[in-house]
């Protein structure tokens, strides 16, 4: 059996994708914005899976220098 793997890092330099996590005024709003960003990211992954007819495994988000990766 032959398996193919592809790894993609996404860097949204201009922070225009809808799943960018932005800081809020308080902790409750921050949690709500993070939850909304996760939902948007999951919708994006499902869309990619349908488009490319491949399974996609999301391994997480990194925040480096206040930028989401």
PDB file of N, CA and C in Angstrom:
ATOM      1  N   UNK A   1       0.833  -1.169   0.000  1.00  0.00           N
ATOM      2  CA  UNK A   1       0.000   0.000   0.000  1.00  0.00           C
ATOM      3  C   UNK A   1       0.887   1.244   0.000  1.00  0.00           C
ATOM      4  N   UNK A   2       0.585   2.170  -0.851  1.00  0.00           N
ATOM      5  CA  UNK A   2       1.360   3.402  -0.956  1.00  0.00           C
ATOM      6  C   UNK A   2       0.531   4.542  -0.360  1.00  0.00           C
ATOM      7  N   UNK A   3       1.128   5.290   0.559  1.00  0.00           N
ATOM      8  CA  UNK A   3       0.459   6.419   1.187  1.00  0.00           C
ATOM      9  C   UNK A   3       1.146   7.709   0.787  1.00  0.00           C
ATOM     10  N   UNK A   4       0.358   8.722   0.585  1.00  0.00           N
ATOM     11  CA  UNK A   4       0.885  10.054   0.307  1.00  0.00           C
ATOM     12  C   UNK A   4       0.499  10.979   1.454  1.00  0.00           C
ATOM     13  N   UNK A   5       1.433  11.788   1.878  1.00  0.00           N
ATOM     14  CA  UNK A   5       1.180  12.756   2.931  1.00  0.00           C
ATOM     15  C   UNK A   5       1.588  14.130   2.433  1.00  0.00           C
ATOM     16  N   UNK A   6       0.837  15.112   2.823  1.00  0.00           N
ATOM     17  CA  UNK A   6       1.129  16.486   2.464  1.00  0.00           C
ATOM     18  C   UNK A   6       0.944  17.341   3.703  1.00  0.00           C
ATOM     19  N   UNK A   7       1.911  18.162   4.017  1.00  0.00           N
ATOM     20  CA  UNK A   7       1.840  19.049   5.162  1.00  0.00           C
ATOM     21  C   UNK A   7       1.795  20.481   4.663  1.00  0.00           C
ATOM     22  N   UNK A   8       0.858  21.248   5.175  1.00  0.00           N
ATOM     23  CA  UNK A   8       0.724  22.639   4.763  1.00  0.00           C
ATOM     24  C   UNK A   8       0.659  23.522   6.000  1.00  0.00           C
ATOM     25  N   UNK A   9       1.505  24.522   6.054  1.00  0.00           N
ATOM     26  CA  UNK A   9       1.427  25.546   7.094  1.00  0.00           C
ATOM     27  C   UNK A   9       0.744  26.755   6.491  1.00  0.00           C
ATOM     28  N   UNK A  10      -0.189  27.291   7.227  1.00  0.00           N
ATOM     29  CA  UNK A  10      -0.935  28.451   6.731  1.00  0.00           C
ATOM     30  C   UNK A  10      -0.518  29.665   7.537  1.00  0.00           C
ATOM     31  N   UNK A  11      -0.089  30.686   6.839  1.00  0.00           N
ATOM     32  CA  UNK A  11       0.273  31.952   7.467  1.00  0.00           C
ATOM     33  C   UNK A  11      -0.556  33.046   6.807  1.00  0.00           C
ATOM     34  N   UNK A  12      -1.432  33.639   7.577  1.00  0.00           N
ATOM     35  CA  UNK A  12      -2.297  34.708   7.086  1.00  0.00           C
ATOM     36  C   UNK A  12      -1.685  36.038   7.508  1.00  0.00           C
ATOM     37  N   UNK A  13      -0.733  36.515   6.739  1.00  0.00           N
ATOM     38  CA  UNK A  13       0.031  37.712   7.098  1.00  0.00           C
ATOM     39  C   UNK A  13      -0.889  38.911   7.303  1.00  0.00           C
ATOM     40  N   UNK A  14      -1.864  39.078   6.435  1.00  0.00           N
ATOM     41  CA  UNK A  14      -2.768  40.226   6.529  1.00  0.00           C
ATOM     42  C   UNK A  14      -3.954  39.974   7.452  1.00  0.00           C
ATOM     43  N   UNK A  15      -4.012  38.777   8.047  1.00  0.00           N
ATOM     44  CA  UNK A  15      -5.078  38.382   8.968  1.00  0.00           C
ATOM     45  C   UNK A  15      -6.463  38.649   8.375  1.00  0.00           C
ATOM     46  N   UNK A  16      -6.676  38.163   7.158  1.00  0.00           N
ATOM     47  CA  UNK A  16      -7.944  38.358   6.486  1.00  0.00           C
ATOM     48  C   UNK A  16      -8.818  37.109   6.488  1.00  0.00           C
ATOM     49  N   UNK A  17      -8.271  35.962   6.853  1.00  0.00           N
ATOM     50  CA  UNK A  17      -9.082  34.759   6.915  1.00  0.00           C
ATOM     51  C   UNK A  17     -10.029  34.860   8.112  1.00  0.00           C
ATOM     52  N   UNK A  18     -11.230  34.267   8.006  1.00  0.00           N
ATOM     53  CA  UNK A  18     -12.230  34.456   9.063  1.00  0.00           C
ATOM     54  C   UNK A  18     -11.914  33.724  10.360  1.00  0.00           C
ATOM     55  N   UNK A  19     -10.901  32.880  10.386  1.00  0.00           N
ATOM     56  CA  UNK A  19     -10.593  32.146  11.602  1.00  0.00           C
ATOM     57  C   UNK A  19      -9.375  32.688  12.335  1.00  0.00           C
ATOM     58  N   UNK A  20      -9.015  33.925  12.071  1.00  0.00           N
ATOM     59  CA  UNK A  20      -7.934  34.574  12.802  1.00  0.00           C
ATOM     60  C   UNK A  20      -8.448  34.917  14.196  1.00  0.00           C
ATOM     61  N   UNK A  21      -7.674  34.588  15.200  1.00  0.00           N
ATOM     62  CA  UNK A  21      -8.069  34.883  16.574  1.00  0.00           C
ATOM     63  C   UNK A  21      -7.585  36.283  16.932  1.00  0.00           C
ATOM     64  N   UNK A  22      -8.536  37.125  17.303  1.00  0.00           N
ATOM     65  CA  UNK A  22      -8.213  38.503  17.671  1.00  0.00           C
ATOM     66  C   UNK A  22      -8.494  38.707  19.153  1.00  0.00           C
ATOM     67  N   UNK A  23      -7.786  39.623  19.740  1.00  0.00           N
ATOM     68  CA  UNK A  23      -7.976  39.914  21.160  1.00  0.00           C
ATOM     69  C   UNK A  23      -9.265  40.698  21.372  1.00  0.00           C
ATOM     70  N   UNK A  24      -9.934  40.402  22.484  1.00  0.00           N
ATOM     71  CA  UNK A  24     -11.168  41.083  22.837  1.00  0.00           C
ATOM     72  C   UNK A  24     -10.942  41.931  24.084  1.00  0.00           C
ATOM     73  N   UNK A  25     -11.987  42.658  24.463  1.00  0.00           N
ATOM     74  CA  UNK A  25     -11.870  43.554  25.617  1.00  0.00           C
ATOM     75  C   UNK A  25     -11.838  42.802  26.939  1.00  0.00           C
ATOM     76  N   UNK A  26     -12.558  41.674  27.003  1.00  0.00           N
ATOM     77  CA  UNK A  26     -12.568  40.929  28.257  1.00  0.00           C
ATOM     78  C   UNK A  26     -12.441  39.439  27.969  1.00  0.00           C
ATOM     79  N   UNK A  27     -12.292  38.672  29.028  1.00  0.00           N
ATOM     80  CA  UNK A  27     -12.043  37.246  28.899  1.00  0.00           C
ATOM     81  C   UNK A  27     -13.211  36.512  28.240  1.00  0.00           C
ATOM     82  N   UNK A  28     -14.443  36.857  28.608  1.00  0.00           N
ATOM     83  CA  UNK A  28     -15.621  36.194  28.031  1.00  0.00           C
ATOM     84  C   UNK A  28     -15.686  36.419  26.523  1.00  0.00           C
ATOM     85  N   UNK A  29     -15.498  37.653  26.091  1.00  0.00           N
ATOM     86  CA  UNK A  29     -15.501  37.949  24.654  1.00  0.00           C
ATOM     87  C   UNK A  29     -14.358  37.239  23.948  1.00  0.00           C
ATOM     88  N   UNK A  30     -13.217  37.138  24.612  1.00  0.00           N
ATOM     89  CA  UNK A  30     -12.065  36.461  24.040  1.00  0.00           C
ATOM     90  C   UNK A  30     -12.389  34.987  23.786  1.00  0.00           C
ATOM     91  N   UNK A  31     -13.018  34.331  24.761  1.00  0.00           N
ATOM     92  CA  UNK A  31     -13.421  32.929  24.588  1.00  0.00           C
ATOM     93  C   UNK A  31     -14.434  32.777  23.454  1.00  0.00           C
ATOM     94  N   UNK A  32     -15.384  33.698  23.375  1.00  0.00           N
ATOM     95  CA  UNK A  32     -16.390  33.643  22.317  1.00  0.00           C
ATOM     96  C   UNK A  32     -15.756  33.807  20.940  1.00  0.00           C
ATOM     97  N   UNK A  33     -14.814  34.736  20.815  1.00  0.00           N
ATOM     98  CA  UNK A  33     -14.130  34.943  19.539  1.00  0.00           C
ATOM     99  C   UNK A  33     -13.273  33.733  19.169  1.00  0.00           C
ATOM    100  N   UNK A  34     -12.644  33.111  20.151  1.00  0.00           N
ATOM    101  CA  UNK A  34     -11.849  31.919  19.882  1.00  0.00           C
ATOM    102  C   UNK A  34     -12.743  30.770  19.420  1.00  0.00           C
ATOM    103  N   UNK A  35     -13.899  30.623  20.041  1.00  0.00           N
ATOM    104  CA  UNK A  35     -14.836  29.566  19.643  1.00  0.00           C
ATOM    105  C   UNK A  35     -15.354  29.806  18.220  1.00  0.00           C
ATOM    106  N   UNK A  36     -15.667  31.052  17.914  1.00  0.00           N
ATOM    107  CA  UNK A  36     -16.136  31.386  16.561  1.00  0.00           C
ATOM    108  C   UNK A  36     -15.040  31.108  15.529  1.00  0.00           C
ATOM    109  N   UNK A  37     -13.796  31.440  15.862  1.00  0.00           N
ATOM    110  CA  UNK A  37     -12.677  31.194  14.952  1.00  0.00           C
ATOM    111  C   UNK A  37     -12.503  29.697  14.712  1.00  0.00           C
ATOM    112  N   UNK A  38     -12.657  28.879  15.763  1.00  0.00           N
ATOM    113  CA  UNK A  38     -12.539  27.427  15.605  1.00  0.00           C
ATOM    114  C   UNK A  38     -13.644  26.884  14.702  1.00  0.00           C
ATOM    115  N   UNK A  39     -14.860  27.403  14.869  1.00  0.00           N
ATOM    116  CA  UNK A  39     -15.975  26.962  14.022  1.00  0.00           C
ATOM    117  C   UNK A  39     -15.715  27.317  12.556  1.00  0.00           C
ATOM    118  N   UNK A  40     -15.222  28.524  12.308  1.00  0.00           N
ATOM    119  CA  UNK A  40     -14.908  28.955  10.937  1.00  0.00           C
ATOM    120  C   UNK A  40     -13.802  28.093  10.338  1.00  0.00           C
ATOM    121  N   UNK A  41     -12.795  27.778  11.136  1.00  0.00           N
ATOM    122  CA  UNK A  41     -11.695  26.936  10.668  1.00  0.00           C
ATOM    123  C   UNK A  41     -12.207  25.542  10.321  1.00  0.00           C
ATOM    124  N   UNK A  42     -13.061  24.983  11.156  1.00  0.00           N
ATOM    125  CA  UNK A  42     -13.627  23.655  10.877  1.00  0.00           C
ATOM    126  C   UNK A  42     -14.445  23.665   9.586  1.00  0.00           C
ATOM    127  N   UNK A  43     -15.222  24.731   9.365  1.00  0.00           N
ATOM    128  CA  UNK A  43     -15.983  24.835   8.106  1.00  0.00           C
ATOM    129  C   UNK A  43     -15.036  24.895   6.909  1.00  0.00           C
ATOM    130  N   UNK A  44     -13.930  25.619   7.048  1.00  0.00           N
ATOM    131  CA  UNK A  44     -12.942  25.736   5.977  1.00  0.00           C
ATOM    132  C   UNK A  44     -12.322  24.372   5.675  1.00  0.00           C
ATOM    133  N   UNK A  45     -11.994  23.617   6.717  1.00  0.00           N
ATOM    134  CA  UNK A  45     -11.391  22.296   6.529  1.00  0.00           C
ATOM    135  C   UNK A  45     -12.371  21.357   5.835  1.00  0.00           C
ATOM    136  N   UNK A  46     -13.636  21.387   6.241  1.00  0.00           N
ATOM    137  CA  UNK A  46     -14.655  20.553   5.588  1.00  0.00           C
ATOM    138  C   UNK A  46     -14.785  20.934   4.113  1.00  0.00           C
ATOM    139  N   UNK A  47     -14.766  22.214   3.819  1.00  0.00           N
ATOM    140  CA  UNK A  47     -14.841  22.683   2.433  1.00  0.00           C
ATOM    141  C   UNK A  47     -13.657  22.159   1.618  1.00  0.00           C
ATOM    142  N   UNK A  48     -12.458  22.216   2.191  1.00  0.00           N
ATOM    143  CA  UNK A  48     -11.271  21.690   1.497  1.00  0.00           C
ATOM    144  C   UNK A  48     -11.390  20.189   1.271  1.00  0.00           C
ATOM    145  N   UNK A  49     -11.874  19.467   2.265  1.00  0.00           N
ATOM    146  CA  UNK A  49     -12.039  18.017   2.124  1.00  0.00           C
ATOM    147  C   UNK A  49     -12.995  17.680   0.988  1.00  0.00           C
ATOM    148  N   UNK A  50     -14.085  18.425   0.905  1.00  0.00           N
ATOM    149  CA  UNK A  50     -15.046  18.180  -0.174  1.00  0.00           C
ATOM    150  C   UNK A  50     -14.457  18.526  -1.537  1.00  0.00           C
ATOM    151  N   UNK A  51     -13.758  19.637  -1.596  1.00  0.00           N
ATOM    152  CA  UNK A  51     -13.196  20.099  -2.863  1.00  0.00           C
ATOM    153  C   UNK A  51     -12.134  19.135  -3.398  1.00  0.00           C
ATOM    154  N   UNK A  52     -11.253  18.677  -2.530  1.00  0.00           N
ATOM    155  CA  UNK A  52     -10.140  17.842  -2.957  1.00  0.00           C
ATOM    156  C   UNK A  52     -10.397  16.345  -2.785  1.00  0.00           C
ATOM    157  N   UNK A  53     -11.543  16.010  -2.181  1.00  0.00           N
ATOM    158  CA  UNK A  53     -11.921  14.600  -1.978  1.00  0.00           C
ATOM    159  C   UNK A  53     -10.816  13.841  -1.238  1.00  0.00           C
ATOM    160  N   UNK A  54     -10.279  14.471  -0.218  1.00  0.00           N
ATOM    161  CA  UNK A  54      -9.216  13.903   0.615  1.00  0.00           C
ATOM    162  C   UNK A  54      -9.527  14.215   2.075  1.00  0.00           C
ATOM    163  N   UNK A  55      -9.074  13.335   2.963  1.00  0.00           N
ATOM    164  CA  UNK A  55      -9.189  13.611   4.386  1.00  0.00           C
ATOM    165  C   UNK A  55      -8.127  14.616   4.796  1.00  0.00           C
ATOM    166  N   UNK A  56      -8.511  15.541   5.654  1.00  0.00           N
ATOM    167  CA  UNK A  56      -7.575  16.540   6.167  1.00  0.00           C
ATOM    168  C   UNK A  56      -7.569  16.433   7.682  1.00  0.00           C
ATOM    169  N   UNK A  57      -6.385  16.413   8.254  1.00  0.00           N
ATOM    170  CA  UNK A  57      -6.238  16.333   9.701  1.00  0.00           C
ATOM    171  C   UNK A  57      -5.598  17.624  10.191  1.00  0.00           C
ATOM    172  N   UNK A  58      -6.315  18.330  11.014  1.00  0.00           N
ATOM    173  CA  UNK A  58      -5.864  19.598  11.566  1.00  0.00           C
ATOM    174  C   UNK A  58      -5.134  19.323  12.873  1.00  0.00           C
ATOM    175  N   UNK A  59      -3.915  19.829  13.032  1.00  0.00           N
ATOM    176  CA  UNK A  59      -3.145  19.516  14.231  1.00  0.00           C
ATOM    177  C   UNK A  59      -3.050  20.680  15.207  1.00  0.00           C
ATOM    178  N   UNK A  60      -3.604  21.812  14.890  1.00  0.00           N
ATOM    179  CA  UNK A  60      -3.642  22.885  15.882  1.00  0.00           C
ATOM    180  C   UNK A  60      -3.166  24.225  15.362  1.00  0.00           C
ATOM    181  N   UNK A  61      -3.199  25.171  16.279  1.00  0.00           N
ATOM    182  CA  UNK A  61      -2.838  26.553  15.984  1.00  0.00           C
ATOM    183  C   UNK A  61      -1.691  26.968  16.887  1.00  0.00           C
ATOM    184  N   UNK A  62      -0.760  27.703  16.337  1.00  0.00           N
ATOM    185  CA  UNK A  62       0.319  28.301  17.128  1.00  0.00           C
ATOM    186  C   UNK A  62       0.147  29.806  17.104  1.00  0.00           C
ATOM    187  N   UNK A  63       0.464  30.452  18.203  1.00  0.00           N
ATOM    188  CA  UNK A  63       0.487  31.907  18.258  1.00  0.00           C
ATOM    189  C   UNK A  63       1.933  32.312  18.535  1.00  0.00           C
ATOM    190  N   UNK A  64       2.533  32.981  17.564  1.00  0.00           N
ATOM    191  CA  UNK A  64       3.918  33.411  17.674  1.00  0.00           C
ATOM    192  C   UNK A  64       3.956  34.915  17.395  1.00  0.00           C
ATOM    193  N   UNK A  65       4.482  35.668  18.341  1.00  0.00           N
ATOM    194  CA  UNK A  65       4.552  37.133  18.212  1.00  0.00           C
ATOM    195  C   UNK A  65       3.178  37.724  17.895  1.00  0.00           C
ATOM    196  N   UNK A  66       2.154  37.241  18.599  1.00  0.00           N
ATOM    197  CA  UNK A  66       0.774  37.698  18.471  1.00  0.00           C
ATOM    198  C   UNK A  66       0.173  37.450  17.093  1.00  0.00           C
ATOM    199  N   UNK A  67       0.727  36.530  16.337  1.00  0.00           N
ATOM    200  CA  UNK A  67       0.192  36.131  15.033  1.00  0.00           C
ATOM    201  C   UNK A  67      -0.242  34.671  15.120  1.00  0.00           C
ATOM    202  N   UNK A  68      -1.379  34.349  14.515  1.00  0.00           N
ATOM    203  CA  UNK A  68      -1.888  32.987  14.530  1.00  0.00           C
ATOM    204  C   UNK A  68      -1.363  32.231  13.319  1.00  0.00           C
ATOM    205  N   UNK A  69      -0.875  31.013  13.575  1.00  0.00           N
ATOM    206  CA  UNK A  69      -0.386  30.129  12.517  1.00  0.00           C
ATOM    207  C   UNK A  69      -1.195  28.855  12.559  1.00  0.00           C
TER     208      UNK A  69
END
